[in-house]
Amino acid sequence: MNSERKLLAAIRARCMDCSGHCKKEVEHCLIPECALYPYRMGKMPEETESKEAQINGQVSIFDETCTGGR
């Protein structure tokens, strides 16, 4: 599994945890301001930014969220 897929799987797992492990809750998430929202379905959103920039930004947010900035 490449690093992009690992990151997307980790984001999906976090979203599943947040939603009480309910796939429909993740799909119909009511928190669009969440930094992970565009990635909640385990796929890269179709945007004009490069994938590398998206991944790097989300890794930073994910690290801060999950490790308390450590």
C-alpha atoms as a PDB file:
ATOM      1  CA  MET A   1       0.000   0.000   0.000  1.00  0.00           C
ATOM      2  CA  ASN A   2       1.496   3.351  -0.969  1.00  0.00           C
ATOM      3  CA  SER A   3       1.689   6.311   1.417  1.00  0.00           C
ATOM      4  CA  GLU A   4      -1.304   8.087  -0.156  1.00  0.00           C
ATOM      5  CA  ARG A   5      -3.512   5.043   0.294  1.00  0.00           C
ATOM      6  CA  LYS A   6      -2.273   4.556   3.872  1.00  0.00           C
ATOM      7  CA  LEU A   7      -3.089   8.153   4.727  1.00  0.00           C
ATOM      8  CA  LEU A   8      -6.537   7.936   3.133  1.00  0.00           C
ATOM      9  CA  ALA A   9      -7.203   4.691   5.027  1.00  0.00           C
ATOM     10  CA  ALA A  10      -6.179   6.379   8.298  1.00  0.00           C
ATOM     11  CA  ILE A  11      -8.438   9.360   7.584  1.00  0.00           C
ATOM     12  CA  ARG A  12     -11.328   7.036   6.729  1.00  0.00           C
ATOM     13  CA  ALA A  13     -10.748   5.122   9.976  1.00  0.00           C
ATOM     14  CA  ARG A  14     -10.785   8.385  11.958  1.00  0.00           C
ATOM     15  CA  CYS A  15     -14.027   9.447  10.292  1.00  0.00           C
ATOM     16  CA  MET A  16     -15.557   6.047  11.025  1.00  0.00           C
ATOM     17  CA  ASP A  17     -14.515   6.429  14.673  1.00  0.00           C
ATOM     18  CA  CYS A  18     -16.004   9.934  14.819  1.00  0.00           C
ATOM     19  CA  SER A  19     -19.307   8.691  13.375  1.00  0.00           C
ATOM     20  CA  GLY A  20     -19.666   5.720  15.709  1.00  0.00           C
ATOM     21  CA  HIS A  21     -18.541   3.338  12.945  1.00  0.00           C
ATOM     22  CA  CYS A  22     -21.596   4.107  10.807  1.00  0.00           C
ATOM     23  CA  LYS A  23     -20.778   4.325   7.086  1.00  0.00           C
ATOM     24  CA  LYS A  24     -23.911   6.367   6.337  1.00  0.00           C
ATOM     25  CA  GLU A  25     -22.958   8.917   9.003  1.00  0.00           C
ATOM     26  CA  VAL A  26     -19.560   9.364   7.340  1.00  0.00           C
ATOM     27  CA  GLU A  27     -21.187   9.710   3.926  1.00  0.00           C
ATOM     28  CA  HIS A  28     -23.666  12.311   5.204  1.00  0.00           C
ATOM     29  CA  CYS A  29     -21.259  14.057   7.594  1.00  0.00           C
ATOM     30  CA  LEU A  30     -22.632  17.334   8.930  1.00  0.00           C
ATOM     31  CA  ILE A  31     -19.223  18.863   9.688  1.00  0.00           C
ATOM     32  CA  PRO A  32     -17.934  20.210   6.340  1.00  0.00           C
ATOM     33  CA  GLU A  33     -15.551  22.566   8.166  1.00  0.00           C
ATOM     34  CA  CYS A  34     -13.559  19.540   9.401  1.00  0.00           C
ATOM     35  CA  ALA A  35     -10.128  19.417   7.746  1.00  0.00           C
ATOM     36  CA  LEU A  36     -10.655  15.721   6.974  1.00  0.00           C
ATOM     37  CA  TYR A  37     -14.113  16.182   5.408  1.00  0.00           C
ATOM     38  CA  PRO A  38     -12.981  16.126   1.738  1.00  0.00           C
ATOM     39  CA  TYR A  39     -11.137  12.844   2.363  1.00  0.00           C
ATOM     40  CA  ARG A  40     -13.738  11.109   4.553  1.00  0.00           C
ATOM     41  CA  MET A  41     -14.762   8.613   1.880  1.00  0.00           C
ATOM     42  CA  GLY A  42     -11.209   7.295   1.565  1.00  0.00           C
ATOM     43  CA  LYS A  43     -10.636   8.937  -1.806  1.00  0.00           C
ATOM     44  CA  MET A  44      -8.832  12.023  -3.014  1.00  0.00           C
ATOM     45  CA  PRO A  45     -11.219  14.836  -3.934  1.00  0.00           C
ATOM     46  CA  GLU A  46     -10.962  16.081  -7.488  1.00  0.00           C
ATOM     47  CA  GLU A  47      -9.340  19.475  -7.095  1.00  0.00           C
ATOM     48  CA  THR A  48      -6.801  21.492  -9.037  1.00  0.00           C
ATOM     49  CA  GLU A  49      -4.128  21.310  -6.316  1.00  0.00           C
ATOM     50  CA  SER A  50      -1.404  18.751  -6.732  1.00  0.00           C
ATOM     51  CA  LYS A  51      -1.878  15.512  -4.827  1.00  0.00           C
ATOM     52  CA  GLU A  52       1.425  16.016  -3.046  1.00  0.00           C
ATOM     53  CA  ALA A  53       0.349  19.381  -1.633  1.00  0.00           C
ATOM     54  CA  GLN A  54      -2.956  17.911  -0.478  1.00  0.00           C
ATOM     55  CA  ILE A  55      -1.296  14.961   1.209  1.00  0.00           C
ATOM     56  CA  ASN A  56       1.385  17.068   2.899  1.00  0.00           C
ATOM     57  CA  GLY A  57      -1.204  19.481   4.277  1.00  0.00           C
ATOM     58  CA  GLN A  58      -3.434  16.710   5.544  1.00  0.00           C
ATOM     59  CA  VAL A  59      -0.525  14.845   7.133  1.00  0.00           C
ATOM     60  CA  SER A  60       0.267  17.970   9.159  1.00  0.00           C
ATOM     61  CA  ILE A  61      -3.362  18.389  10.242  1.00  0.00           C
ATOM     62  CA  PHE A  62      -3.707  14.675  10.985  1.00  0.00           C
ATOM     63  CA  ASP A  63      -0.516  14.698  13.081  1.00  0.00           C
ATOM     64  CA  GLU A  64      -1.667  17.738  15.068  1.00  0.00           C
ATOM     65  CA  THR A  65      -5.142  16.290  15.599  1.00  0.00           C
ATOM     66  CA  CYS A  66      -4.090  12.779  16.553  1.00  0.00           C
ATOM     67  CA  THR A  67      -0.857  13.409  18.426  1.00  0.00           C
ATOM     68  CA  GLY A  68      -1.589  16.769  19.974  1.00  0.00           C
ATOM     69  CA  GLY A  69       1.160  18.406  17.923  1.00  0.00           C
ATOM     70  CA  ARG A  70       3.894  16.120  19.299  1.00  0.00           C
END
